[in-house]
C-alpha atoms as a PDB file:
ATOM      1  CA  UNK A   1     -15.811   6.326   4.657  1.00  0.00           C
ATOM      2  CA  UNK A   2     -12.568   5.138   5.405  1.00  0.00           C
ATOM      3  CA  UNK A   3     -10.822   1.533   5.074  1.00  0.00           C
ATOM      4  CA  UNK A   4      -7.643   0.392   7.635  1.00  0.00           C
ATOM      5  CA  UNK A   5      -5.061  -2.669   6.378  1.00  0.00           C
ATOM      6  CA  UNK A   6      -4.036  -3.616   9.180  1.00  0.00           C
ATOM      7  CA  UNK A   7       0.051  -4.646   8.064  1.00  0.00           C
ATOM      8  CA  UNK A   8      -0.698  -5.626   4.771  1.00  0.00           C
ATOM      9  CA  UNK A   9       0.985  -8.536   3.312  1.00  0.00           C
ATOM     10  CA  UNK A  10       0.060  -9.180  -0.084  1.00  0.00           C
ATOM     11  CA  UNK A  11       0.712  -6.496  -2.784  1.00  0.00           C
ATOM     12  CA  UNK A  12      -2.048  -7.743  -5.171  1.00  0.00           C
ATOM     13  CA  UNK A  13      -4.698  -7.096  -2.092  1.00  0.00           C
ATOM     14  CA  UNK A  14      -3.687  -3.786  -1.228  1.00  0.00           C
ATOM     15  CA  UNK A  15      -3.415  -2.550  -4.884  1.00  0.00           C
ATOM     16  CA  UNK A  16      -6.759  -3.617  -5.801  1.00  0.00           C
ATOM     17  CA  UNK A  17      -7.904  -1.822  -2.462  1.00  0.00           C
ATOM     18  CA  UNK A  18      -6.486   1.065  -3.431  1.00  0.00           C
ATOM     19  CA  UNK A  19      -8.381   1.170  -6.614  1.00  0.00           C
ATOM     20  CA  UNK A  20     -11.558   0.717  -4.786  1.00  0.00           C
ATOM     21  CA  UNK A  21     -10.614   2.890  -2.436  1.00  0.00           C
ATOM     22  CA  UNK A  22     -10.504   5.439  -6.061  1.00  0.00           C
ATOM     23  CA  UNK A  23     -12.915   4.494  -7.089  1.00  0.00           C
ATOM     24  CA  UNK A  24     -16.087   4.899  -4.193  1.00  0.00           C
ATOM     25  CA  UNK A  25     -13.882   8.070  -2.782  1.00  0.00           C
ATOM     26  CA  UNK A  26     -12.642   6.230   0.229  1.00  0.00           C
ATOM     27  CA  UNK A  27      -9.293   7.418   2.415  1.00  0.00           C
ATOM     28  CA  UNK A  28      -7.280   4.825   2.541  1.00  0.00           C
ATOM     29  CA  UNK A  29      -5.114   3.250   5.715  1.00  0.00           C
ATOM     30  CA  UNK A  30      -2.056   1.414   5.889  1.00  0.00           C
ATOM     31  CA  UNK A  31      -0.577   0.136   8.784  1.00  0.00           C
ATOM     32  CA  UNK A  32       2.996  -1.378   8.996  1.00  0.00           C
ATOM     33  CA  UNK A  33       4.614  -3.374   8.941  1.00  0.00           C
ATOM     34  CA  UNK A  34       4.046  -4.519   5.794  1.00  0.00           C
ATOM     35  CA  UNK A  35       4.615  -7.493   3.276  1.00  0.00           C
ATOM     36  CA  UNK A  36       6.206  -5.595   0.710  1.00  0.00           C
ATOM     37  CA  UNK A  37       7.498  -2.212  -0.498  1.00  0.00           C
ATOM     38  CA  UNK A  38       5.268   0.563  -1.035  1.00  0.00           C
ATOM     39  CA  UNK A  39       7.166   0.670  -4.695  1.00  0.00           C
ATOM     40  CA  UNK A  40       6.551  -2.964  -5.231  1.00  0.00           C
ATOM     41  CA  UNK A  41       5.641  -3.440  -8.622  1.00  0.00           C
ATOM     42  CA  UNK A  42       2.873  -6.005  -8.208  1.00  0.00           C
ATOM     43  CA  UNK A  43       1.624  -3.435  -5.798  1.00  0.00           C
ATOM     44  CA  UNK A  44       1.226  -0.800  -8.256  1.00  0.00           C
ATOM     45  CA  UNK A  45       0.118  -3.365 -10.992  1.00  0.00           C
ATOM     46  CA  UNK A  46      -2.808  -4.443  -8.828  1.00  0.00           C
ATOM     47  CA  UNK A  47      -3.854  -0.962  -8.393  1.00  0.00           C
ATOM     48  CA  UNK A  48      -3.239  -0.212 -11.939  1.00  0.00           C
ATOM     49  CA  UNK A  49      -2.999   3.977 -12.771  1.00  0.00           C
ATOM     50  CA  UNK A  50      -5.411   4.324  -9.625  1.00  0.00           C
ATOM     51  CA  UNK A  51      -2.665   5.163  -7.022  1.00  0.00           C
ATOM     52  CA  UNK A  52      -3.021   9.170  -7.901  1.00  0.00           C
ATOM     53  CA  UNK A  53      -6.637   9.467  -6.973  1.00  0.00           C
ATOM     54  CA  UNK A  54      -6.702   7.866  -3.582  1.00  0.00           C
ATOM     55  CA  UNK A  55      -6.461   9.981  -0.747  1.00  0.00           C
ATOM     56  CA  UNK A  56      -4.177   7.468   1.922  1.00  0.00           C
ATOM     57  CA  UNK A  57      -2.291   7.649   4.794  1.00  0.00           C
ATOM     58  CA  UNK A  58       0.824   5.430   6.312  1.00  0.00           C
ATOM     59  CA  UNK A  59       0.966   4.739   9.740  1.00  0.00           C
ATOM     60  CA  UNK A  60       3.815   3.112  11.874  1.00  0.00           C
ATOM     61  CA  UNK A  61       1.506   0.704  14.323  1.00  0.00           C
ATOM     62  CA  UNK A  62      -1.741   1.075  15.372  1.00  0.00           C
ATOM     63  CA  UNK A  63      -1.407   3.180  18.674  1.00  0.00           C
ATOM     64  CA  UNK A  64      -0.193   6.435  16.126  1.00  0.00           C
ATOM     65  CA  UNK A  65      -3.151   5.425  14.441  1.00  0.00           C
ATOM     66  CA  UNK A  66      -5.357   4.991  17.170  1.00  0.00           C
ATOM     67  CA  UNK A  67      -4.100   8.194  18.533  1.00  0.00           C
ATOM     68  CA  UNK A  68      -5.429  10.226  15.344  1.00  0.00           C
ATOM     69  CA  UNK A  69      -9.034   8.590  15.177  1.00  0.00           C
ATOM     70  CA  UNK A  70     -11.506  11.309  15.427  1.00  0.00           C
ATOM     71  CA  UNK A  71     -13.829  11.185  18.503  1.00  0.00           C
ATOM     72  CA  UNK A  72     -17.136  11.347  16.590  1.00  0.00           C
ATOM     73  CA  UNK A  73     -15.954   8.339  14.260  1.00  0.00           C
ATOM     74  CA  UNK A  74     -16.713   4.363  15.050  1.00  0.00           C
ATOM     75  CA  UNK A  75     -13.853   2.142  13.876  1.00  0.00           C
ATOM     76  CA  UNK A  76     -15.479  -1.251  12.806  1.00  0.00           C
ATOM     77  CA  UNK A  77     -13.555  -4.734  12.883  1.00  0.00           C
ATOM     78  CA  UNK A  78     -14.374  -6.846  10.376  1.00  0.00           C
ATOM     79  CA  UNK A  79     -12.873 -10.386  11.473  1.00  0.00           C
ATOM     80  CA  UNK A  80     -14.348 -14.109  11.354  1.00  0.00           C
ATOM     81  CA  UNK A  81     -16.091 -15.693  14.452  1.00  0.00           C
ATOM     82  CA  UNK A  82     -17.740 -11.726  14.561  1.00  0.00           C
ATOM     83  CA  UNK A  83     -21.125 -11.720  17.070  1.00  0.00           C
ATOM     84  CA  UNK A  84     -23.105  -9.612  14.197  1.00  0.00           C
ATOM     85  CA  UNK A  85     -23.113 -10.128  10.108  1.00  0.00           C
ATOM     86  CA  UNK A  86     -21.202  -6.839   8.624  1.00  0.00           C
ATOM     87  CA  UNK A  87     -24.631  -5.841   6.771  1.00  0.00           C
ATOM     88  CA  UNK A  88     -26.719  -5.578  10.994  1.00  0.00           C
ATOM     89  CA  UNK A  89     -24.333  -2.738  11.297  1.00  0.00           C
ATOM     90  CA  UNK A  90     -25.401   1.002  10.895  1.00  0.00           C
ATOM     91  CA  UNK A  91     -22.495   2.302   9.179  1.00  0.00           C
ATOM     92  CA  UNK A  92     -21.981   6.911   8.647  1.00  0.00           C
ATOM     93  CA  UNK A  93     -20.160   8.391   6.995  1.00  0.00           C
ATOM     94  CA  UNK A  94     -16.426   9.158   9.087  1.00  0.00           C
ATOM     95  CA  UNK A  95     -16.238   5.192  10.508  1.00  0.00           C
ATOM     96  CA  UNK A  96     -13.525   3.285   9.100  1.00  0.00           C
ATOM     97  CA  UNK A  97     -13.682  -0.450   8.058  1.00  0.00           C
ATOM     98  CA  UNK A  98     -10.518  -2.287   9.883  1.00  0.00           C
ATOM     99  CA  UNK A  99      -9.207  -5.223   7.797  1.00  0.00           C
ATOM    100  CA  UNK A 100      -6.310  -7.444   9.423  1.00  0.00           C
ATOM    101  CA  UNK A 101      -3.179  -9.134   7.818  1.00  0.00           C
ATOM    102  CA  UNK A 102      -4.606 -11.703   4.947  1.00  0.00           C
ATOM    103  CA  UNK A 103      -3.199 -14.716   6.946  1.00  0.00           C
ATOM    104  CA  UNK A 104      -3.618 -13.778  10.775  1.00  0.00           C
ATOM    105  CA  UNK A 105      -6.708 -11.327  10.405  1.00  0.00           C
ATOM    106  CA  UNK A 106      -6.503  -9.186  13.410  1.00  0.00           C
ATOM    107  CA  UNK A 107      -5.085  -9.258  16.783  1.00  0.00           C
ATOM    108  CA  UNK A 108      -8.014 -11.272  18.933  1.00  0.00           C
ATOM    109  CA  UNK A 109      -6.910  -8.913  22.467  1.00  0.00           C
ATOM    110  CA  UNK A 110      -8.138  -6.164  19.806  1.00  0.00           C
ATOM    111  CA  UNK A 111     -11.496  -8.164  18.361  1.00  0.00           C
ATOM    112  CA  UNK A 112     -12.427  -9.241  21.729  1.00  0.00           C
ATOM    113  CA  UNK A 113     -11.913  -5.324  23.319  1.00  0.00           C
ATOM    114  CA  UNK A 114     -14.529  -4.203  20.643  1.00  0.00           C
ATOM    115  CA  UNK A 115     -17.109  -7.175  20.727  1.00  0.00           C
ATOM    116  CA  UNK A 116     -19.486  -4.161  19.571  1.00  0.00           C
ATOM    117  CA  UNK A 117     -18.027  -3.671  16.721  1.00  0.00           C
ATOM    118  CA  UNK A 118     -16.619  -6.869  15.845  1.00  0.00           C
ATOM    119  CA  UNK A 119     -18.376  -7.681  12.452  1.00  0.00           C
ATOM    120  CA  UNK A 120     -18.047 -11.072  10.677  1.00  0.00           C
ATOM    121  CA  UNK A 121     -19.023 -11.695   6.797  1.00  0.00           C
ATOM    122  CA  UNK A 122     -21.185 -15.200   6.637  1.00  0.00           C
ATOM    123  CA  UNK A 123     -19.217 -18.309   4.975  1.00  0.00           C
ATOM    124  CA  UNK A 124     -21.086 -21.288   3.981  1.00  0.00           C
ATOM    125  CA  UNK A 125     -18.717 -24.313   3.926  1.00  0.00           C
ATOM    126  CA  UNK A 126     -17.416 -24.909   6.553  1.00  0.00           C
ATOM    127  CA  UNK A 127     -14.406 -26.072   4.025  1.00  0.00           C
ATOM    128  CA  UNK A 128     -13.136 -22.449   3.572  1.00  0.00           C
ATOM    129  CA  UNK A 129     -11.560 -20.525   5.802  1.00  0.00           C
ATOM    130  CA  UNK A 130     -12.496 -16.524   4.836  1.00  0.00           C
ATOM    131  CA  UNK A 131     -12.348 -14.746   1.384  1.00  0.00           C
ATOM    132  CA  UNK A 132     -10.176 -12.689  -0.218  1.00  0.00           C
ATOM    133  CA  UNK A 133      -9.693  -9.444   1.653  1.00  0.00           C
ATOM    134  CA  UNK A 134     -10.290  -7.182  -1.580  1.00  0.00           C
ATOM    135  CA  UNK A 135     -13.715  -8.759  -2.104  1.00  0.00           C
ATOM    136  CA  UNK A 136     -13.990  -8.759   2.015  1.00  0.00           C
ATOM    137  CA  UNK A 137     -13.117  -5.257   1.767  1.00  0.00           C
ATOM    138  CA  UNK A 138     -15.577  -4.311  -1.172  1.00  0.00           C
ATOM    139  CA  UNK A 139     -18.412  -6.345   0.102  1.00  0.00           C
ATOM    140  CA  UNK A 140     -18.166  -4.164   3.730  1.00  0.00           C
ATOM    141  CA  UNK A 141     -17.491  -0.705   1.984  1.00  0.00           C
ATOM    142  CA  UNK A 142     -20.489  -1.394  -0.550  1.00  0.00           C
ATOM    143  CA  UNK A 143     -23.598  -1.692   2.459  1.00  0.00           C
ATOM    144  CA  UNK A 144     -22.068   0.735   3.714  1.00  0.00           C
ATOM    145  CA  UNK A 145     -22.236   2.986   1.001  1.00  0.00           C
ATOM    146  CA  UNK A 146     -25.892   1.485  -0.082  1.00  0.00           C
ATOM    147  CA  UNK A 147     -26.838   2.389   3.818  1.00  0.00           C
ATOM    148  CA  UNK A 148     -25.972   6.251   2.858  1.00  0.00           C
ATOM    149  CA  UNK A 149     -27.839   5.894  -0.684  1.00  0.00           C
ATOM    150  CA  UNK A 150     -24.634   6.008  -2.450  1.00  0.00           C
ATOM    151  CA  UNK A 151     -24.363   9.924  -1.357  1.00  0.00           C
ATOM    152  CA  UNK A 152     -20.962  10.112  -3.328  1.00  0.00           C
ATOM    153  CA  UNK A 153     -21.691   8.136  -6.755  1.00  0.00           C
ATOM    154  CA  UNK A 154     -21.285  10.463  -9.430  1.00  0.00           C
END
């Protein structure tokens, strides 16, 4: 699996997601610009000593990243307002789970251009805007891995 963070802003979220990727052997893709420096102490602290176990790629922008996505892979855009819940998608090992910035999410044009792969995580309290980014990544990634029978489990 592949997990993509588009313009992440909060170092502890990215660090926690790196740790998630290390534990699940999921490739992490970080798309600039970032709201922090990659040597940020809070980024390292959140990822603990797991960074050395993470397969990750740094991309200058969305077009550079998108140009390198394999033809057989699908991009799944996880953002509030999506027409389908994340558990209604059928994930495959080569797929990419795409998450946006903590404060702004993914660009609306990107979502509208990919409505068939725009997924949401259900919310039950209208007063709550969203869940934490690292929690969202874990929820969707583990659903994708569950659908694949947790094939990479050791």
